[in-house]
Amino acid sequence: MSKTLAFFLHLFLLFALALSTWCGPAFARDSARPASASTQVAPHPPFPFTPRHFARAWQEAGSKQTLLGLGIGLGASLCALPGDDEISDRFYEQKPLGPDAHRIGREMGHRKYVALMSLGLTASGQLIGNRKIRDTGILYLESNLITAGFTTLLKKGVGRVRPDESNNHSFPSGHASAAMASARVLQMRLGWWVGAPAYAAAGYIGLSRVQGKKHYLSDVIFGWTLGYTVSSILVKAYEPRTGESEPGSPSVAWLPPPDASDFGLPFLRVRF
């Protein structure tokens, strides 16, 4: 039952995505623009998974807004720390999310859905000619991979024992960080049509881990904070700044490299 419910919840997200594609006015600017040889095209932001994108993300990570958000999340996690045991016991005994919440949340947060959503977004965006959706799929994957890396490092470095004492990988919650990273990318790129149900799913997944005694509440809060922060940084690093055009994708041209931002053979140029 949990697998079926998780499948339909992800199907609902894809439906909301399609609805926002055809009904949301925010996508109007994604229509193709005619190219002109006599028109000088403004540079576009760096494509995901490129050194330029990571360099810009590094700059964004040191911004006051990013540090403030991390500080608030860490503070909330520390505030929850004294009541972790009591909250964990109450959730486990009373099961406010329902008797099957742990299994449903575990299935919803499975990594296979990250790959499926990323592939679905990228492929559907390419098929319908919507660059925004296509690149959202790539950012979705990038955010989840980097969030998973930070989560794994913290789990091994902190070594907090889980409430059920199964291992010492309690802090932070990987399910919570991945779910929030996904929700933040969808909300920032595609709007609240998709973001609202994604945030609700992230909240459910995180609290289901508390109810299943796999994480304390403080683990989940910081997991949400981590995923939210990583995705915010990466998406902001991809958005156009002053003097830049809308984001583009790698292009190949049979021309000599005209400047230092390109690379390639004398007869081939690749631009990100």
Protein backbone atom coordinates (compact mmCIF):
# COMPACT_ATOMS: atom_id res chain seq x y z
CA MET A 1 0.00 0.00 0.00
CA SER A 2 2.83 2.39 0.86
CA LYS A 3 4.44 1.91 -2.55
CA THR A 4 1.14 2.56 -4.31
CA LEU A 5 0.48 5.73 -2.32
CA ALA A 6 4.01 7.00 -2.92
CA PHE A 7 3.60 6.35 -6.65
CA PHE A 8 0.36 8.32 -6.84
CA LEU A 9 1.82 11.21 -4.81
CA HIS A 10 4.70 11.51 -7.26
CA LEU A 11 2.22 11.20 -10.12
CA PHE A 12 0.30 14.11 -8.61
CA LEU A 13 3.46 16.21 -8.58
CA LEU A 14 4.02 15.47 -12.25
CA PHE A 15 0.38 16.40 -12.96
CA ALA A 16 0.84 19.69 -11.11
CA LEU A 17 3.99 20.24 -13.15
CA ALA A 18 2.08 19.73 -16.40
CA LEU A 19 -0.71 22.01 -15.24
CA SER A 20 1.68 24.80 -14.37
CA THR A 21 3.41 24.36 -17.73
CA TRP A 22 0.31 25.04 -19.75
CA CYS A 23 -1.51 27.40 -17.35
CA GLY A 24 1.22 29.28 -15.49
CA PRO A 25 2.04 32.71 -16.92
CA ALA A 26 5.59 32.39 -15.62
CA PHE A 27 6.42 30.13 -18.56
CA ALA A 28 5.59 32.74 -21.17
CA ARG A 29 9.13 34.00 -21.22
CA ASP A 30 10.48 30.56 -22.12
CA SER A 31 9.29 30.69 -25.72
CA ALA A 32 12.00 30.53 -28.32
CA ARG A 33 13.54 33.80 -29.35
CA PRO A 34 14.56 34.36 -32.97
CA ALA A 35 18.27 34.62 -33.46
CA SER A 36 19.84 37.40 -35.47
CA ALA A 37 23.38 37.47 -36.72
CA SER A 38 23.51 41.24 -36.29
CA THR A 39 22.26 41.17 -32.69
CA GLN A 40 24.74 40.83 -29.87
CA VAL A 41 23.49 38.17 -27.43
CA ALA A 42 24.09 38.83 -23.74
CA PRO A 43 26.02 36.14 -21.85
CA HIS A 44 23.90 33.64 -19.97
CA PRO A 45 24.48 32.13 -16.51
CA PRO A 46 26.60 28.99 -16.19
CA PHE A 47 24.99 25.64 -16.97
CA PRO A 48 24.58 23.16 -14.02
CA PHE A 49 27.42 20.74 -13.27
CA THR A 50 30.04 23.10 -14.73
CA PRO A 51 32.97 24.78 -12.93
CA ARG A 52 31.43 28.22 -13.54
CA HIS A 53 28.21 27.17 -11.87
CA PHE A 54 30.01 25.74 -8.84
CA ALA A 55 32.15 28.88 -8.58
CA ARG A 56 29.06 31.08 -8.57
CA ALA A 57 27.38 28.75 -6.06
CA TRP A 58 30.42 29.09 -3.80
CA GLN A 59 29.97 32.86 -3.86
CA GLU A 60 26.28 32.51 -3.10
CA ALA A 61 27.02 30.20 -0.17
CA GLY A 62 28.82 33.03 1.62
CA SER A 63 25.98 35.51 1.26
CA LYS A 64 24.30 36.97 4.34
CA GLN A 65 20.95 35.48 3.35
CA THR A 66 22.40 31.97 3.11
CA LEU A 67 24.27 32.20 6.41
CA LEU A 68 21.20 33.64 8.13
CA GLY A 69 19.03 30.79 6.89
CA LEU A 70 21.55 28.21 8.05
CA GLY A 71 21.79 29.91 11.42
CA ILE A 72 18.01 29.90 11.88
CA GLY A 73 17.79 26.23 10.93
CA LEU A 74 20.63 25.26 13.22
CA GLY A 75 19.10 27.29 16.03
CA ALA A 76 15.73 25.57 15.58
CA SER A 77 17.46 22.19 15.61
CA LEU A 78 19.26 23.04 18.84
CA CYS A 79 16.01 24.25 20.42
CA ALA A 80 14.40 20.90 19.63
CA LEU A 81 17.32 18.97 21.09
CA PRO A 82 16.21 18.95 24.76
CA GLY A 83 12.81 17.51 23.87
CA ASP A 84 13.99 14.96 21.31
CA ASP A 85 13.41 11.86 23.45
CA GLU A 86 9.95 12.92 24.62
CA ILE A 87 8.80 13.93 21.13
CA SER A 88 10.13 10.70 19.64
CA ASP A 89 8.28 8.59 22.21
CA ARG A 90 5.02 10.50 21.76
CA PHE A 91 5.12 10.21 17.98
CA TYR A 92 5.88 6.51 18.21
CA GLU A 93 3.10 5.79 20.70
CA GLN A 94 0.35 8.08 19.39
CA LYS A 95 1.18 7.78 15.67
CA PRO A 96 -0.39 11.11 14.66
CA LEU A 97 0.45 10.56 10.97
CA GLY A 98 -1.28 7.19 10.81
CA PRO A 99 -0.14 3.63 11.48
CA ASP A 100 1.62 3.21 8.11
CA ALA A 101 3.33 6.62 8.03
CA HIS A 102 6.82 5.25 8.51
CA ARG A 103 6.57 2.85 5.58
CA ILE A 104 4.90 5.44 3.36
CA GLY A 105 7.46 8.14 4.20
CA ARG A 106 10.35 5.76 3.65
CA GLU A 107 9.01 4.82 0.22
CA MET A 108 8.26 8.42 -0.77
CA GLY A 109 11.80 9.46 0.10
CA HIS A 110 13.48 6.62 -1.81
CA ARG A 111 16.34 7.67 -4.04
CA LYS A 112 14.82 6.00 -7.10
CA TYR A 113 12.19 8.74 -7.22
CA VAL A 114 14.92 11.38 -7.38
CA ALA A 115 16.27 9.77 -10.54
CA LEU A 116 12.77 9.32 -12.00
CA MET A 117 11.71 12.90 -11.30
CA SER A 118 14.95 14.29 -12.70
CA LEU A 119 14.67 12.16 -15.82
CA GLY A 120 10.98 12.99 -16.21
CA LEU A 121 11.54 16.73 -15.90
CA THR A 122 14.51 16.77 -18.25
CA ALA A 123 12.92 14.53 -20.87
CA SER A 124 9.50 16.24 -20.81
CA GLY A 125 11.08 19.67 -21.02
CA GLN A 126 13.13 18.59 -24.01
CA LEU A 127 10.14 16.98 -25.74
CA ILE A 128 7.83 19.99 -25.41
CA GLY A 129 10.60 22.49 -26.07
CA ASN A 130 10.45 24.09 -22.61
CA ARG A 131 13.98 24.98 -21.53
CA LYS A 132 12.87 25.94 -18.02
CA ILE A 133 11.50 22.49 -17.22
CA ARG A 134 14.42 20.72 -18.88
CA ASP A 135 17.03 22.61 -16.88
CA THR A 136 14.95 22.22 -13.72
CA GLY A 137 15.41 18.47 -14.04
CA ILE A 138 19.17 18.91 -14.19
CA LEU A 139 19.17 21.28 -11.21
CA TYR A 140 16.92 18.81 -9.36
CA LEU A 141 19.51 16.06 -9.79
CA GLU A 142 22.45 18.34 -8.99
CA SER A 143 20.83 19.59 -5.78
CA ASN A 144 19.99 16.11 -4.57
CA LEU A 145 23.47 14.76 -5.28
CA ILE A 146 25.21 17.59 -3.42
CA THR A 147 22.71 17.45 -0.55
CA ALA A 148 23.30 13.70 -0.25
CA GLY A 149 27.05 14.30 -0.12
CA PHE A 150 26.82 16.82 2.71
CA THR A 151 24.31 14.62 4.55
CA THR A 152 26.61 11.60 4.36
CA LEU A 153 29.60 13.59 5.60
CA LEU A 154 27.62 14.91 8.58
CA LYS A 155 26.23 11.47 9.41
CA LYS A 156 29.71 9.99 9.55
CA GLY A 157 31.21 12.99 11.31
CA VAL A 158 28.56 13.44 14.02
CA GLY A 159 27.81 9.76 14.61
CA ARG A 160 24.58 10.27 16.54
CA VAL A 161 22.77 7.04 17.50
CA ARG A 162 19.27 6.64 16.07
CA PRO A 163 16.28 6.49 18.42
CA ASP A 164 15.83 2.78 17.62
CA GLU A 165 19.60 2.24 18.17
CA SER A 166 19.96 0.54 14.78
CA ASN A 167 23.11 2.53 13.90
CA ASN A 168 24.83 5.87 14.50
CA HIS A 169 23.66 7.70 11.35
CA SER A 170 20.83 9.71 12.88
CA PHE A 171 22.02 13.29 12.28
CA PRO A 172 20.90 14.74 9.94
CA SER A 173 17.93 12.99 8.34
CA GLY A 174 18.75 12.01 4.77
CA HIS A 175 15.10 11.55 3.84
CA ALA A 176 14.26 15.03 5.14
CA SER A 177 17.19 16.74 3.42
CA ALA A 178 16.49 15.06 0.06
CA ALA A 179 12.77 15.79 0.20
CA MET A 180 13.32 19.44 1.06
CA ALA A 181 16.04 19.85 -1.57
CA SER A 182 13.60 18.52 -4.16
CA ALA A 183 10.75 20.72 -2.98
CA ARG A 184 12.87 23.87 -2.95
CA VAL A 185 14.08 23.36 -6.53
CA LEU A 186 10.53 22.74 -7.77
CA GLN A 187 9.15 25.78 -5.96
CA MET A 188 11.92 28.16 -7.05
CA ARG A 189 11.90 27.03 -10.67
CA LEU A 190 8.26 26.13 -11.34
CA GLY A 191 6.30 28.08 -8.76
CA TRP A 192 3.83 27.21 -6.05
CA TRP A 193 1.67 25.02 -8.28
CA VAL A 194 4.32 22.36 -7.84
CA GLY A 195 6.13 23.72 -4.79
CA ALA A 196 3.19 23.61 -2.35
CA PRO A 197 2.50 19.85 -2.64
CA ALA A 198 6.25 19.18 -2.71
CA TYR A 199 6.77 21.08 0.57
CA ALA A 200 3.83 19.19 2.11
CA ALA A 201 5.39 15.90 1.04
CA ALA A 202 8.77 16.96 2.49
CA GLY A 203 7.11 17.77 5.82
CA TYR A 204 5.31 14.44 5.88
CA ILE A 205 8.44 12.47 4.99
CA GLY A 206 10.50 14.16 7.71
CA LEU A 207 7.91 13.67 10.47
CA SER A 208 7.30 10.08 9.40
CA ARG A 209 10.96 9.39 10.18
CA VAL A 210 10.39 10.70 13.70
CA GLN A 211 7.32 8.53 14.13
CA GLY A 212 9.26 5.49 12.93
CA LYS A 213 12.02 6.16 15.49
CA LYS A 214 14.60 6.52 12.73
CA HIS A 215 15.37 10.15 13.58
CA TYR A 216 14.89 12.71 16.30
CA LEU A 217 13.04 15.93 15.51
CA SER A 218 16.30 17.92 15.64
CA ASP A 219 17.76 15.59 12.97
CA VAL A 220 14.79 16.25 10.72
CA ILE A 221 14.82 20.03 11.23
CA PHE A 222 18.47 20.31 10.26
CA GLY A 223 17.90 17.91 7.34
CA TRP A 224 15.19 20.24 6.05
CA THR A 225 17.52 23.21 6.55
CA LEU A 226 20.37 21.53 4.69
CA GLY A 227 18.28 20.55 1.67
CA TYR A 228 16.59 23.95 1.50
CA THR A 229 19.93 25.77 1.68
CA VAL A 230 21.77 23.69 -0.92
CA SER A 231 18.96 23.98 -3.45
CA SER A 232 18.58 27.72 -2.84
CA ILE A 233 22.28 28.24 -3.50
CA LEU A 234 22.38 26.18 -6.69
CA VAL A 235 19.22 27.64 -8.20
CA LYS A 236 20.27 31.23 -7.41
CA ALA A 237 23.67 30.52 -8.98
CA TYR A 238 21.85 29.56 -12.18
CA GLU A 239 19.51 32.53 -12.38
CA PRO A 240 20.51 35.39 -14.70
CA ARG A 241 22.12 38.46 -13.19
CA THR A 242 22.35 42.01 -14.45
CA GLY A 243 23.49 42.05 -18.07
CA GLU A 244 22.85 38.34 -18.62
CA SER A 245 20.26 36.71 -20.83
CA GLU A 246 17.98 33.84 -19.83
CA PRO A 247 19.84 30.61 -18.93
CA GLY A 248 20.87 28.50 -21.87
CA SER A 249 22.43 25.12 -22.45
CA PRO A 250 25.76 23.92 -23.83
CA SER A 251 26.13 24.68 -27.51
CA VAL A 252 28.57 23.32 -30.07
CA ALA A 253 29.75 25.33 -33.05
CA TRP A 254 32.27 24.59 -35.77
CA LEU A 255 34.20 27.78 -35.17
CA PRO A 256 37.50 28.78 -33.53
CA PRO A 257 37.27 29.68 -29.83
CA PRO A 258 36.80 33.48 -29.77
CA ASP A 259 37.62 34.12 -26.11
CA ALA A 260 38.86 32.59 -22.87
CA SER A 261 35.38 31.48 -21.75
CA ASP A 262 35.31 28.86 -24.53
CA PHE A 263 37.46 25.86 -25.07
CA GLY A 264 38.01 23.24 -27.75
CA LEU A 265 39.90 22.35 -30.87
CA PRO A 266 40.63 25.00 -33.53
CA PHE A 267 37.60 23.80 -35.51
CA LEU A 268 35.24 23.10 -32.60
CA ARG A 269 33.87 25.39 -29.86
CA VAL A 270 31.89 24.32 -26.83
CA ARG A 271 30.21 27.01 -24.72
CA PHE A 272 28.48 26.56 -21.36
